[in-house]
Amino acid sequence: MGTLADAARTVISTCMKAGKGEEVLIVTDEPCRAIGLAIWQQARDLGCEAILTEIGPRQTHGQEPPRAVAEAMRSTPVCLLVTSKSLSHTKARKAACAAGSRIASLPGITADIAERTLIADYDEISRLTIKTTLKVKGASVVTLTSPAGTRLTFSVKGREFMPDTGIYDTPGAFGNLPAGEVYIAPVEGTAGGVLVIDGSIAGIGLVDAPVRVEIEDGMAKSITGGRAAARLDSMISAVGPDARNVAELGIGTNGKARLTGNILEDEKVLGTVHVALGANATFGGKVQVASHLDGVILDPTLVVDDNEIVRGGSLLV
């Protein structure tokens, strides 16, 4: 386990490969201010033209940042989004990457997570993540099951599996830190079956009881279980019908990550699978809504076409 300064140095020098004199924008908010400041200090100390800006905390994951910040993101070569609510699935982030900014998003990052996971061997994480991506490349149908009762199928035909390696050194590159997942946007309207979330949920944490989501025609029709289920249903209902869209499938590839209740880390845990509801327009889908909520499934078995990728929580690559 390293220090926060070690973690911040890894972000700037290893993950973003920011050069001396290069402009680096750190966007943060009050809950994540200490982490944002630590990254800004390391960027400055490493000779970058470091810029720190603080915004008001967003109300939901996927809510847009202020217009002035969105414009700054588009014109800055390196951006770190160190905020309590995720800016990953926003128009602002997508536009900035399209303009050539390389961006890492660290939503909800804590000092503990940073000190444990940001000093990981990102070359090894990158190798495993790319190997997994190649194994599922060109797939059409996904089947996901779990001991808790998940039985879900959907199409990914024509969609691209994307690797989140932790190395963002080319214009337009984007991912999370800590990194370590392979993800895709399912074809809208194709998902059907039952999803049982027994790990954690974005914005909620570790679930008090398994959350059962009945899915028809690509949408979450009913959500039942304990307190976590009620809260998830309330969060989605507050945003609107599109927030019920089955938006993402992700496969965890980070051997240093562990289940803590913080989705930023939880969705990267090696051998887990997560499914998100809500927005997916920023990574190949068609739904743009101010919500993207991931749920982690434990001990999953994932079959992509006829290939078993994960078996009982073990990644088979």
C-alpha atoms as a PDB file:
ATOM      1  CA  MET A   1       0.000   0.000   0.000  1.00  0.00           C
ATOM      2  CA  GLY A   2       1.433   3.340  -1.028  1.00  0.00           C
ATOM      3  CA  THR A   3       0.769   6.917  -0.004  1.00  0.00           C
ATOM      4  CA  LEU A   4      -1.695   9.299  -1.588  1.00  0.00           C
ATOM      5  CA  ALA A   5       1.241  11.120  -3.171  1.00  0.00           C
ATOM      6  CA  ASP A   6       2.466   7.819  -4.681  1.00  0.00           C
ATOM      7  CA  ALA A   7      -0.990   7.161  -6.085  1.00  0.00           C
ATOM      8  CA  ALA A   8      -1.278  10.657  -7.553  1.00  0.00           C
ATOM      9  CA  ARG A   9       2.186  10.371  -9.125  1.00  0.00           C
ATOM     10  CA  THR A  10       1.178   7.087 -10.787  1.00  0.00           C
ATOM     11  CA  VAL A  11      -1.941   8.758 -12.203  1.00  0.00           C
ATOM     12  CA  ILE A  12       0.013  11.599 -13.801  1.00  0.00           C
ATOM     13  CA  SER A  13       3.179   9.854 -14.937  1.00  0.00           C
ATOM     14  CA  THR A  14       2.150   6.232 -15.616  1.00  0.00           C
ATOM     15  CA  CYS A  15      -1.557   6.326 -16.476  1.00  0.00           C
ATOM     16  CA  MET A  16      -1.848   9.682 -18.251  1.00  0.00           C
ATOM     17  CA  LYS A  17       1.823   9.987 -19.239  1.00  0.00           C
ATOM     18  CA  ALA A  18       1.527  13.756 -18.920  1.00  0.00           C
ATOM     19  CA  GLY A  19       4.636  15.554 -20.124  1.00  0.00           C
ATOM     20  CA  LYS A  20       6.496  18.515 -18.711  1.00  0.00           C
ATOM     21  CA  GLY A  21       4.717  21.724 -19.628  1.00  0.00           C
ATOM     22  CA  GLU A  22       1.569  19.878 -20.751  1.00  0.00           C
ATOM     23  CA  GLU A  23      -1.725  21.340 -19.554  1.00  0.00           C
ATOM     24  CA  VAL A  24      -3.550  19.096 -17.073  1.00  0.00           C
ATOM     25  CA  LEU A  25      -7.040  19.966 -15.841  1.00  0.00           C
ATOM     26  CA  ILE A  26      -8.283  18.428 -12.591  1.00  0.00           C
ATOM     27  CA  VAL A  27     -12.052  18.781 -12.058  1.00  0.00           C
ATOM     28  CA  THR A  28     -13.138  18.022  -8.494  1.00  0.00           C
ATOM     29  CA  ASP A  29     -15.867  18.733  -5.946  1.00  0.00           C
ATOM     30  CA  GLU A  30     -16.004  19.077  -2.175  1.00  0.00           C
ATOM     31  CA  PRO A  31     -16.319  15.360  -1.277  1.00  0.00           C
ATOM     32  CA  CYS A  32     -13.284  14.483  -3.441  1.00  0.00           C
ATOM     33  CA  ARG A  33     -11.354  17.702  -2.906  1.00  0.00           C
ATOM     34  CA  ALA A  34      -8.411  16.114  -1.035  1.00  0.00           C
ATOM     35  CA  ILE A  35      -7.801  13.595  -3.832  1.00  0.00           C
ATOM     36  CA  GLY A  36      -8.159  16.232  -6.536  1.00  0.00           C
ATOM     37  CA  LEU A  37      -5.713  18.490  -4.728  1.00  0.00           C
ATOM     38  CA  ALA A  38      -3.182  15.665  -4.321  1.00  0.00           C
ATOM     39  CA  ILE A  39      -3.298  14.925  -8.064  1.00  0.00           C
ATOM     40  CA  TRP A  40      -2.965  18.627  -8.884  1.00  0.00           C
ATOM     41  CA  GLN A  41       0.078  18.901  -6.603  1.00  0.00           C
ATOM     42  CA  GLN A  42       1.789  15.941  -8.264  1.00  0.00           C
ATOM     43  CA  ALA A  43       1.033  17.290 -11.750  1.00  0.00           C
ATOM     44  CA  ARG A  44       2.554  20.611 -10.725  1.00  0.00           C
ATOM     45  CA  ASP A  45       5.590  18.981  -9.117  1.00  0.00           C
ATOM     46  CA  LEU A  46       6.183  16.883 -12.243  1.00  0.00           C
ATOM     47  CA  GLY A  47       6.365  20.037 -14.346  1.00  0.00           C
ATOM     48  CA  CYS A  48       2.905  20.062 -15.881  1.00  0.00           C
ATOM     49  CA  GLU A  49       0.820  23.210 -16.325  1.00  0.00           C
ATOM     50  CA  ALA A  50      -1.635  22.046 -13.677  1.00  0.00           C
ATOM     51  CA  ILE A  51      -5.124  23.573 -13.334  1.00  0.00           C
ATOM     52  CA  LEU A  52      -7.523  22.753 -10.492  1.00  0.00           C
ATOM     53  CA  THR A  53     -11.211  23.644 -10.665  1.00  0.00           C
ATOM     54  CA  GLU A  54     -13.984  22.757  -8.229  1.00  0.00           C
ATOM     55  CA  ILE A  55     -17.624  22.363  -9.171  1.00  0.00           C
ATOM     56  CA  GLY A  56     -20.701  21.821  -7.046  1.00  0.00           C
ATOM     57  CA  PRO A  57     -21.474  18.124  -6.511  1.00  0.00           C
ATOM     58  CA  ARG A  58     -23.805  16.744  -9.185  1.00  0.00           C
ATOM     59  CA  GLN A  59     -27.151  15.322  -8.102  1.00  0.00           C
ATOM     60  CA  THR A  60     -26.831  12.088 -10.103  1.00  0.00           C
ATOM     61  CA  HIS A  61     -24.215  10.018 -11.894  1.00  0.00           C
ATOM     62  CA  GLY A  62     -24.161  11.204 -15.502  1.00  0.00           C
ATOM     63  CA  GLN A  63     -25.388  14.760 -14.834  1.00  0.00           C
ATOM     64  CA  GLU A  64     -23.531  17.301 -16.985  1.00  0.00           C
ATOM     65  CA  PRO A  65     -20.851  19.593 -15.500  1.00  0.00           C
ATOM     66  CA  PRO A  66     -21.186  23.390 -15.809  1.00  0.00           C
ATOM     67  CA  ARG A  67     -20.839  24.713 -19.368  1.00  0.00           C
ATOM     68  CA  ALA A  68     -17.583  26.547 -18.637  1.00  0.00           C
ATOM     69  CA  VAL A  69     -16.013  23.346 -17.312  1.00  0.00           C
ATOM     70  CA  ALA A  70     -17.215  21.393 -20.348  1.00  0.00           C
ATOM     71  CA  GLU A  71     -15.529  23.956 -22.592  1.00  0.00           C
ATOM     72  CA  ALA A  72     -12.310  23.766 -20.574  1.00  0.00           C
ATOM     73  CA  MET A  73     -12.303  19.972 -20.878  1.00  0.00           C
ATOM     74  CA  ARG A  74     -12.505  20.194 -24.674  1.00  0.00           C
ATOM     75  CA  SER A  75      -9.479  22.480 -24.877  1.00  0.00           C
ATOM     76  CA  THR A  76      -7.179  20.715 -22.387  1.00  0.00           C
ATOM     77  CA  PRO A  77      -4.961  17.777 -23.471  1.00  0.00           C
ATOM     78  CA  VAL A  78      -5.242  15.884 -20.154  1.00  0.00           C
ATOM     79  CA  CYS A  79      -8.274  15.868 -17.844  1.00  0.00           C
ATOM     80  CA  LEU A  80      -8.819  14.117 -14.509  1.00  0.00           C
ATOM     81  CA  LEU A  81     -12.443  14.019 -13.341  1.00  0.00           C
ATOM     82  CA  VAL A  82     -12.177  13.563  -9.569  1.00  0.00           C
ATOM     83  CA  THR A  83     -15.802  13.975  -8.515  1.00  0.00           C
ATOM     84  CA  SER A  84     -18.250  12.329  -6.141  1.00  0.00           C
ATOM     85  CA  LYS A  85     -20.765  11.680  -8.948  1.00  0.00           C
ATOM     86  CA  SER A  86     -19.519  10.261 -12.228  1.00  0.00           C
ATOM     87  CA  LEU A  87     -18.957  12.538 -15.227  1.00  0.00           C
ATOM     88  CA  SER A  88     -17.965   9.549 -17.364  1.00  0.00           C
ATOM     89  CA  HIS A  89     -21.266   9.203 -19.217  1.00  0.00           C
ATOM     90  CA  THR A  90     -21.808  12.879 -20.038  1.00  0.00           C
ATOM     91  CA  LYS A  91     -21.920  14.756 -23.316  1.00  0.00           C
ATOM     92  CA  ALA A  92     -19.128  16.968 -21.981  1.00  0.00           C
ATOM     93  CA  ARG A  93     -16.754  14.038 -21.511  1.00  0.00           C
ATOM     94  CA  LYS A  94     -17.616  12.534 -24.880  1.00  0.00           C
ATOM     95  CA  ALA A  95     -17.106  15.869 -26.653  1.00  0.00           C
ATOM     96  CA  ALA A  96     -13.769  16.427 -24.932  1.00  0.00           C
ATOM     97  CA  CYS A  97     -12.475  13.026 -26.024  1.00  0.00           C
ATOM     98  CA  ALA A  98     -13.720  13.686 -29.557  1.00  0.00           C
ATOM     99  CA  ALA A  99     -11.659  16.882 -29.493  1.00  0.00           C
ATOM    100  CA  GLY A 100      -8.551  14.898 -28.521  1.00  0.00           C
ATOM    101  CA  SER A 101      -8.454  15.206 -24.745  1.00  0.00           C
ATOM    102  CA  ARG A 102      -7.320  12.107 -22.914  1.00  0.00           C
ATOM    103  CA  ILE A 103      -9.423  11.656 -19.822  1.00  0.00           C
ATOM    104  CA  ALA A 104      -9.550   9.548 -16.686  1.00  0.00           C
ATOM    105  CA  SER A 105     -12.633   9.586 -14.471  1.00  0.00           C
ATOM    106  CA  LEU A 106     -12.311   8.788 -10.748  1.00  0.00           C
ATOM    107  CA  PRO A 107     -15.891   9.090  -9.438  1.00  0.00           C
ATOM    108  CA  GLY A 108     -16.231   8.637  -5.696  1.00  0.00           C
ATOM    109  CA  ILE A 109     -12.526   7.914  -5.215  1.00  0.00           C
ATOM    110  CA  THR A 110     -11.339   7.771  -1.602  1.00  0.00           C
ATOM    111  CA  ALA A 111      -7.844   7.958  -0.154  1.00  0.00           C
ATOM    112  CA  ASP A 112      -8.033   4.281   0.837  1.00  0.00           C
ATOM    113  CA  ILE A 113      -8.963   3.158  -2.672  1.00  0.00           C
ATOM    114  CA  ALA A 114      -6.334   5.407  -4.231  1.00  0.00           C
ATOM    115  CA  GLU A 115      -3.544   4.185  -1.963  1.00  0.00           C
ATOM    116  CA  ARG A 116      -4.397   0.503  -2.571  1.00  0.00           C
ATOM    117  CA  THR A 117      -5.323   0.398  -6.242  1.00  0.00           C
ATOM    118  CA  LEU A 118      -3.647   3.278  -8.054  1.00  0.00           C
ATOM    119  CA  ILE A 119      -0.195   1.862  -7.384  1.00  0.00           C
ATOM    120  CA  ALA A 120      -1.095  -1.430  -9.081  1.00  0.00           C
ATOM    121  CA  ASP A 121       0.916  -2.883 -11.981  1.00  0.00           C
ATOM    122  CA  TYR A 122      -1.020  -1.245 -14.776  1.00  0.00           C
ATOM    123  CA  ASP A 123       1.097  -2.939 -17.429  1.00  0.00           C
ATOM    124  CA  GLU A 124      -0.193  -6.309 -16.135  1.00  0.00           C
ATOM    125  CA  ILE A 125      -3.766  -5.026 -15.818  1.00  0.00           C
ATOM    126  CA  SER A 126      -3.525  -3.740 -19.385  1.00  0.00           C
ATOM    127  CA  ARG A 127      -2.261  -7.120 -20.631  1.00  0.00           C
ATOM    128  CA  LEU A 128      -5.103  -9.074 -18.997  1.00  0.00           C
ATOM    129  CA  THR A 129      -7.742  -6.553 -20.054  1.00  0.00           C
ATOM    130  CA  ILE A 130      -6.662  -6.551 -23.696  1.00  0.00           C
ATOM    131  CA  LYS A 131      -6.434 -10.370 -23.713  1.00  0.00           C
ATOM    132  CA  THR A 132     -10.013 -10.564 -22.409  1.00  0.00           C
ATOM    133  CA  THR A 133     -11.187  -8.027 -24.992  1.00  0.00           C
ATOM    134  CA  LEU A 134      -9.693 -10.040 -27.838  1.00  0.00           C
ATOM    135  CA  LYS A 135     -11.432 -13.190 -26.579  1.00  0.00           C
ATOM    136  CA  VAL A 136     -14.889 -11.582 -26.831  1.00  0.00           C
ATOM    137  CA  LYS A 137     -14.278  -9.518 -29.973  1.00  0.00           C
ATOM    138  CA  GLY A 138     -17.009  -9.798 -32.606  1.00  0.00           C
ATOM    139  CA  ALA A 139     -19.496 -11.585 -30.354  1.00  0.00           C
ATOM    140  CA  SER A 140     -23.267 -11.526 -30.894  1.00  0.00           C
ATOM    141  CA  VAL A 141     -25.052 -13.017 -27.881  1.00  0.00           C
ATOM    142  CA  VAL A 142     -24.330 -12.801 -24.149  1.00  0.00           C
ATOM    143  CA  THR A 143     -25.723 -15.091 -21.448  1.00  0.00           C
ATOM    144  CA  LEU A 144     -25.171 -14.222 -17.788  1.00  0.00           C
ATOM    145  CA  THR A 145     -26.067 -16.469 -14.840  1.00  0.00           C
ATOM    146  CA  SER A 146     -25.226 -16.547 -11.142  1.00  0.00           C
ATOM    147  CA  PRO A 147     -25.929 -18.662  -8.020  1.00  0.00           C
ATOM    148  CA  ALA A 148     -28.109 -15.836  -6.667  1.00  0.00           C
ATOM    149  CA  GLY A 149     -30.562 -16.273  -9.539  1.00  0.00           C
ATOM    150  CA  THR A 150     -29.370 -14.150 -12.464  1.00  0.00           C
ATOM    151  CA  ARG A 151     -30.591 -15.503 -15.802  1.00  0.00           C
ATOM    152  CA  LEU A 152     -30.095 -12.797 -18.404  1.00  0.00           C
ATOM    153  CA  THR A 153     -29.504 -12.800 -22.150  1.00  0.00           C
ATOM    154  CA  PHE A 154     -29.049 -10.005 -24.672  1.00  0.00           C
ATOM    155  CA  SER A 155     -27.536  -9.142 -28.028  1.00  0.00           C
ATOM    156  CA  VAL A 156     -24.277  -7.259 -28.541  1.00  0.00           C
ATOM    157  CA  LYS A 157     -24.248  -7.754 -32.308  1.00  0.00           C
ATOM    158  CA  GLY A 158     -22.569  -4.825 -34.006  1.00  0.00           C
ATOM    159  CA  ARG A 159     -21.367  -3.382 -30.699  1.00  0.00           C
ATOM    160  CA  GLU A 160     -17.724  -3.218 -29.615  1.00  0.00           C
ATOM    161  CA  PHE A 161     -16.211  -4.548 -26.382  1.00  0.00           C
ATOM    162  CA  MET A 162     -13.909  -1.870 -24.979  1.00  0.00           C
ATOM    163  CA  PRO A 163     -10.869  -2.338 -22.721  1.00  0.00           C
ATOM    164  CA  ASP A 164     -10.310  -0.024 -19.756  1.00  0.00           C
ATOM    165  CA  THR A 165      -6.606  -0.643 -19.215  1.00  0.00           C
ATOM    166  CA  GLY A 166      -5.552   2.291 -17.053  1.00  0.00           C
ATOM    167  CA  ILE A 167      -3.126   3.584 -19.689  1.00  0.00           C
ATOM    168  CA  TYR A 168      -4.488   6.719 -21.394  1.00  0.00           C
ATOM    169  CA  ASP A 169      -1.600   8.031 -23.448  1.00  0.00           C
ATOM    170  CA  THR A 170      -3.203   8.694 -26.843  1.00  0.00           C
ATOM    171  CA  PRO A 171      -5.480  11.574 -27.913  1.00  0.00           C
ATOM    172  CA  GLY A 172      -9.119  10.805 -27.155  1.00  0.00           C
ATOM    173  CA  ALA A 173      -8.345   7.953 -24.749  1.00  0.00           C
ATOM    174  CA  PHE A 174     -10.749   7.506 -21.846  1.00  0.00           C
ATOM    175  CA  GLY A 175     -11.321   5.252 -18.854  1.00  0.00           C
ATOM    176  CA  ASN A 176     -11.708   4.940 -15.104  1.00  0.00           C
ATOM    177  CA  LEU A 177      -9.056   4.950 -12.422  1.00  0.00           C
ATOM    178  CA  PRO A 178      -8.654   2.560 -10.762  1.00  0.00           C
ATOM    179  CA  ALA A 179      -8.982   0.692 -14.039  1.00  0.00           C
ATOM    180  CA  GLY A 180      -9.461  -2.898 -15.059  1.00  0.00           C
ATOM    181  CA  GLU A 181     -12.588  -3.859 -16.969  1.00  0.00           C
ATOM    182  CA  VAL A 182     -13.904  -4.840 -20.375  1.00  0.00           C
ATOM    183  CA  TYR A 183     -17.286  -3.297 -21.154  1.00  0.00           C
ATOM    184  CA  ILE A 184     -19.931  -3.028 -23.867  1.00  0.00           C
ATOM    185  CA  ALA A 185     -23.334  -1.473 -24.526  1.00  0.00           C
ATOM    186  CA  PRO A 186     -25.957  -4.189 -25.157  1.00  0.00           C
ATOM    187  CA  VAL A 187     -28.269  -3.618 -28.098  1.00  0.00           C
ATOM    188  CA  GLU A 188     -31.258  -1.690 -26.795  1.00  0.00           C
ATOM    189  CA  GLY A 189     -34.471  -3.671 -26.442  1.00  0.00           C
ATOM    190  CA  THR A 190     -32.810  -7.096 -26.538  1.00  0.00           C
ATOM    191  CA  ALA A 191     -32.168  -7.892 -22.870  1.00  0.00           C
ATOM    192  CA  GLY A 192     -34.563 -10.261 -21.137  1.00  0.00           C
ATOM    193  CA  GLY A 193     -34.648 -12.331 -17.979  1.00  0.00           C
ATOM    194  CA  VAL A 194     -33.691 -11.747 -14.375  1.00  0.00           C
ATOM    195  CA  LEU A 195     -30.746  -9.800 -12.973  1.00  0.00           C
ATOM    196  CA  VAL A 196     -29.870 -10.377  -9.319  1.00  0.00           C
ATOM    197  CA  ILE A 197     -27.421  -7.849  -7.885  1.00  0.00           C
ATOM    198  CA  ASP A 198     -25.790  -9.323  -4.781  1.00  0.00           C
ATOM    199  CA  GLY A 199     -22.610  -7.234  -4.587  1.00  0.00           C
ATOM    200  CA  SER A 200     -23.033  -3.478  -4.634  1.00  0.00           C
ATOM    201  CA  ILE A 201     -24.790  -0.689  -6.529  1.00  0.00           C
ATOM    202  CA  ALA A 202     -23.531   2.733  -7.606  1.00  0.00           C
ATOM    203  CA  GLY A 203     -24.712   5.435  -5.235  1.00  0.00           C
ATOM    204  CA  ILE A 204     -25.956   2.875  -2.696  1.00  0.00           C
ATOM    205  CA  GLY A 205     -23.031   0.647  -1.698  1.00  0.00           C
ATOM    206  CA  LEU A 206     -23.107  -2.950  -0.508  1.00  0.00           C
ATOM    207  CA  VAL A 207     -26.625  -4.351  -0.785  1.00  0.00           C
ATOM    208  CA  ASP A 208     -28.483  -5.373   2.373  1.00  0.00           C
ATOM    209  CA  ALA A 209     -30.233  -8.158   0.426  1.00  0.00           C
ATOM    210  CA  PRO A 210     -30.079  -9.387  -3.178  1.00  0.00           C
ATOM    211  CA  VAL A 211     -31.779  -6.977  -5.570  1.00  0.00           C
ATOM    212  CA  ARG A 212     -33.964  -8.763  -8.126  1.00  0.00           C
ATOM    213  CA  VAL A 213     -34.519  -6.907 -11.394  1.00  0.00           C
ATOM    214  CA  GLU A 214     -37.061  -8.309 -13.852  1.00  0.00           C
ATOM    215  CA  ILE A 215     -36.049  -7.286 -17.362  1.00  0.00           C
ATOM    216  CA  GLU A 216     -38.189  -7.283 -20.501  1.00  0.00           C
ATOM    217  CA  ASP A 217     -37.423  -5.766 -23.905  1.00  0.00           C
ATOM    218  CA  GLY A 218     -34.212  -4.260 -22.587  1.00  0.00           C
ATOM    219  CA  MET A 219     -35.831  -2.410 -19.686  1.00  0.00           C
ATOM    220  CA  ALA A 220     -36.012  -2.976 -15.927  1.00  0.00           C
ATOM    221  CA  LYS A 221     -39.718  -3.603 -15.344  1.00  0.00           C
ATOM    222  CA  SER A 222     -39.637  -4.336 -11.609  1.00  0.00           C
ATOM    223  CA  ILE A 223     -37.049  -4.053  -8.826  1.00  0.00           C
ATOM    224  CA  THR A 224     -37.610  -5.963  -5.595  1.00  0.00           C
ATOM    225  CA  GLY A 225     -35.643  -6.937  -2.490  1.00  0.00           C
ATOM    226  CA  GLY A 226     -34.631  -5.014   0.603  1.00  0.00           C
ATOM    227  CA  ARG A 227     -33.699  -1.404   1.295  1.00  0.00           C
ATOM    228  CA  ALA A 228     -31.174  -1.278  -1.564  1.00  0.00           C
ATOM    229  CA  ALA A 229     -33.848  -2.387  -4.040  1.00  0.00           C
ATOM    230  CA  ALA A 230     -36.267   0.288  -2.868  1.00  0.00           C
ATOM    231  CA  ARG A 231     -33.597   2.951  -3.108  1.00  0.00           C
ATOM    232  CA  LEU A 232     -32.503   1.843  -6.589  1.00  0.00           C
ATOM    233  CA  ASP A 233     -36.087   1.941  -7.828  1.00  0.00           C
ATOM    234  CA  SER A 234     -36.550   5.402  -6.341  1.00  0.00           C
ATOM    235  CA  MET A 235     -33.333   6.743  -7.885  1.00  0.00           C
ATOM    236  CA  ILE A 236     -34.298   5.451 -11.330  1.00  0.00           C
ATOM    237  CA  SER A 237     -37.916   6.624 -11.120  1.00  0.00           C
ATOM    238  CA  ALA A 238     -36.766  10.142 -10.256  1.00  0.00           C
ATOM    239  CA  VAL A 239     -34.878  10.403 -13.557  1.00  0.00           C
ATOM    240  CA  GLY A 240     -37.367   8.897 -15.986  1.00  0.00           C
ATOM    241  CA  PRO A 241     -38.094   5.816 -18.129  1.00  0.00           C
ATOM    242  CA  ASP A 242     -34.779   5.814 -20.027  1.00  0.00           C
ATOM    243  CA  ALA A 243     -32.955   5.266 -16.727  1.00  0.00           C
ATOM    244  CA  ARG A 244     -34.374   1.698 -16.810  1.00  0.00           C
ATOM    245  CA  ASN A 245     -32.435   0.828 -19.962  1.00  0.00           C
ATOM    246  CA  VAL A 246     -29.991  -2.110 -19.708  1.00  0.00           C
ATOM    247  CA  ALA A 247     -26.987  -0.003 -20.576  1.00  0.00           C
ATOM    248  CA  GLU A 248     -23.773  -1.904 -19.941  1.00  0.00           C
ATOM    249  CA  LEU A 249     -22.115  -5.227 -19.331  1.00  0.00           C
ATOM    250  CA  GLY A 250     -18.695  -5.099 -17.671  1.00  0.00           C
ATOM    251  CA  ILE A 251     -16.098  -7.728 -16.732  1.00  0.00           C
ATOM    252  CA  GLY A 252     -13.671  -7.009 -13.877  1.00  0.00           C
ATOM    253  CA  THR A 253      -9.950  -7.534 -14.589  1.00  0.00           C
ATOM    254  CA  ASN A 254      -8.144  -5.865 -11.660  1.00  0.00           C
ATOM    255  CA  GLY A 255      -6.579  -8.345  -9.234  1.00  0.00           C
ATOM    256  CA  LYS A 256      -5.887  -5.603  -6.660  1.00  0.00           C
ATOM    257  CA  ALA A 257      -9.494  -4.427  -6.407  1.00  0.00           C
ATOM    258  CA  ARG A 258     -11.826  -5.766  -3.723  1.00  0.00           C
ATOM    259  CA  LEU A 259     -15.502  -5.397  -2.865  1.00  0.00           C
ATOM    260  CA  THR A 260     -15.852  -2.378  -0.584  1.00  0.00           C
ATOM    261  CA  GLY A 261     -19.208  -0.822  -1.436  1.00  0.00           C
ATOM    262  CA  ASN A 262     -17.633   1.826  -3.661  1.00  0.00           C
ATOM    263  CA  ILE A 263     -18.653   1.002  -7.235  1.00  0.00           C
ATOM    264  CA  LEU A 264     -15.551   2.646  -8.698  1.00  0.00           C
ATOM    265  CA  GLU A 265     -13.489  -0.175  -7.215  1.00  0.00           C
ATOM    266  CA  ASP A 266     -16.147  -2.893  -6.975  1.00  0.00           C
ATOM    267  CA  GLU A 267     -16.837  -3.083 -10.715  1.00  0.00           C
ATOM    268  CA  LYS A 268     -13.133  -3.765 -11.362  1.00  0.00           C
ATOM    269  CA  VAL A 269     -12.846  -6.788  -9.030  1.00  0.00           C
ATOM    270  CA  LEU A 270     -11.322  -9.684 -10.943  1.00  0.00           C
ATOM    271  CA  GLY A 271     -13.929 -12.269 -11.923  1.00  0.00           C
ATOM    272  CA  THR A 272     -16.993 -10.174 -11.160  1.00  0.00           C
ATOM    273  CA  VAL A 273     -19.476  -8.946 -13.744  1.00  0.00           C
ATOM    274  CA  HIS A 274     -21.498  -5.755 -13.524  1.00  0.00           C
ATOM    275  CA  VAL A 275     -24.604  -4.610 -15.363  1.00  0.00           C
ATOM    276  CA  ALA A 276     -25.625  -0.953 -15.515  1.00  0.00           C
ATOM    277  CA  LEU A 277     -28.992   0.692 -16.051  1.00  0.00           C
ATOM    278  CA  GLY A 278     -29.357   4.047 -17.774  1.00  0.00           C
ATOM    279  CA  ALA A 279     -27.094   5.911 -20.176  1.00  0.00           C
ATOM    280  CA  ASN A 280     -24.827   4.270 -22.742  1.00  0.00           C
ATOM    281  CA  ALA A 281     -24.567   6.832 -25.556  1.00  0.00           C
ATOM    282  CA  THR A 282     -20.964   7.641 -24.616  1.00  0.00           C
ATOM    283  CA  PHE A 283     -19.700   4.121 -25.395  1.00  0.00           C
ATOM    284  CA  GLY A 284     -21.626   2.875 -28.392  1.00  0.00           C
ATOM    285  CA  GLY A 285     -25.252   2.826 -27.272  1.00  0.00           C
ATOM    286  CA  LYS A 286     -28.217   5.061 -28.088  1.00  0.00           C
ATOM    287  CA  VAL A 287     -29.548   6.147 -24.679  1.00  0.00           C
ATOM    288  CA  GLN A 288     -28.575   9.519 -23.196  1.00  0.00           C
ATOM    289  CA  VAL A 289     -30.039  10.144 -19.760  1.00  0.00           C
ATOM    290  CA  ALA A 290     -28.675  11.732 -16.584  1.00  0.00           C
ATOM    291  CA  SER A 291     -28.224   8.394 -14.830  1.00  0.00           C
ATOM    292  CA  HIS A 292     -25.864   5.419 -15.069  1.00  0.00           C
ATOM    293  CA  LEU A 293     -26.078   2.961 -12.174  1.00  0.00           C
ATOM    294  CA  ASP A 294     -23.888  -0.147 -12.079  1.00  0.00           C
ATOM    295  CA  GLY A 295     -24.725  -3.274 -10.090  1.00  0.00           C
ATOM    296  CA  VAL A 296     -22.129  -5.940  -9.279  1.00  0.00           C
ATOM    297  CA  ILE A 297     -22.953  -9.647  -9.608  1.00  0.00           C
ATOM    298  CA  LEU A 298     -20.887 -12.091  -7.529  1.00  0.00           C
ATOM    299  CA  ASP A 299     -19.647 -15.518  -8.655  1.00  0.00           C
ATOM    300  CA  PRO A 300     -21.068 -15.069 -12.166  1.00  0.00           C
ATOM    301  CA  THR A 301     -20.842 -17.309 -15.180  1.00  0.00           C
ATOM    302  CA  LEU A 302     -20.625 -15.406 -18.446  1.00  0.00           C
ATOM    303  CA  VAL A 303     -20.960 -17.027 -21.858  1.00  0.00           C
ATOM    304  CA  VAL A 304     -20.309 -14.936 -24.962  1.00  0.00           C
ATOM    305  CA  ASP A 305     -21.627 -16.775 -28.036  1.00  0.00           C
ATOM    306  CA  ASP A 306     -20.319 -20.290 -27.296  1.00  0.00           C
ATOM    307  CA  ASN A 307     -17.284 -19.178 -25.278  1.00  0.00           C
ATOM    308  CA  GLU A 308     -17.254 -19.324 -21.471  1.00  0.00           C
ATOM    309  CA  ILE A 309     -15.434 -16.185 -20.354  1.00  0.00           C
ATOM    310  CA  VAL A 310     -16.157 -16.257 -16.612  1.00  0.00           C
ATOM    311  CA  ARG A 311     -17.062 -19.401 -14.657  1.00  0.00           C
ATOM    312  CA  GLY A 312     -18.280 -19.087 -11.088  1.00  0.00           C
ATOM    313  CA  GLY A 313     -16.310 -15.893 -10.552  1.00  0.00           C
ATOM    314  CA  SER A 314     -13.096 -17.044 -12.245  1.00  0.00           C
ATOM    315  CA  LEU A 315     -11.918 -15.253 -15.391  1.00  0.00           C
ATOM    316  CA  LEU A 316     -10.990 -17.858 -18.017  1.00  0.00           C
ATOM    317  CA  VAL A 317      -8.360 -16.138 -20.151  1.00  0.00           C
END
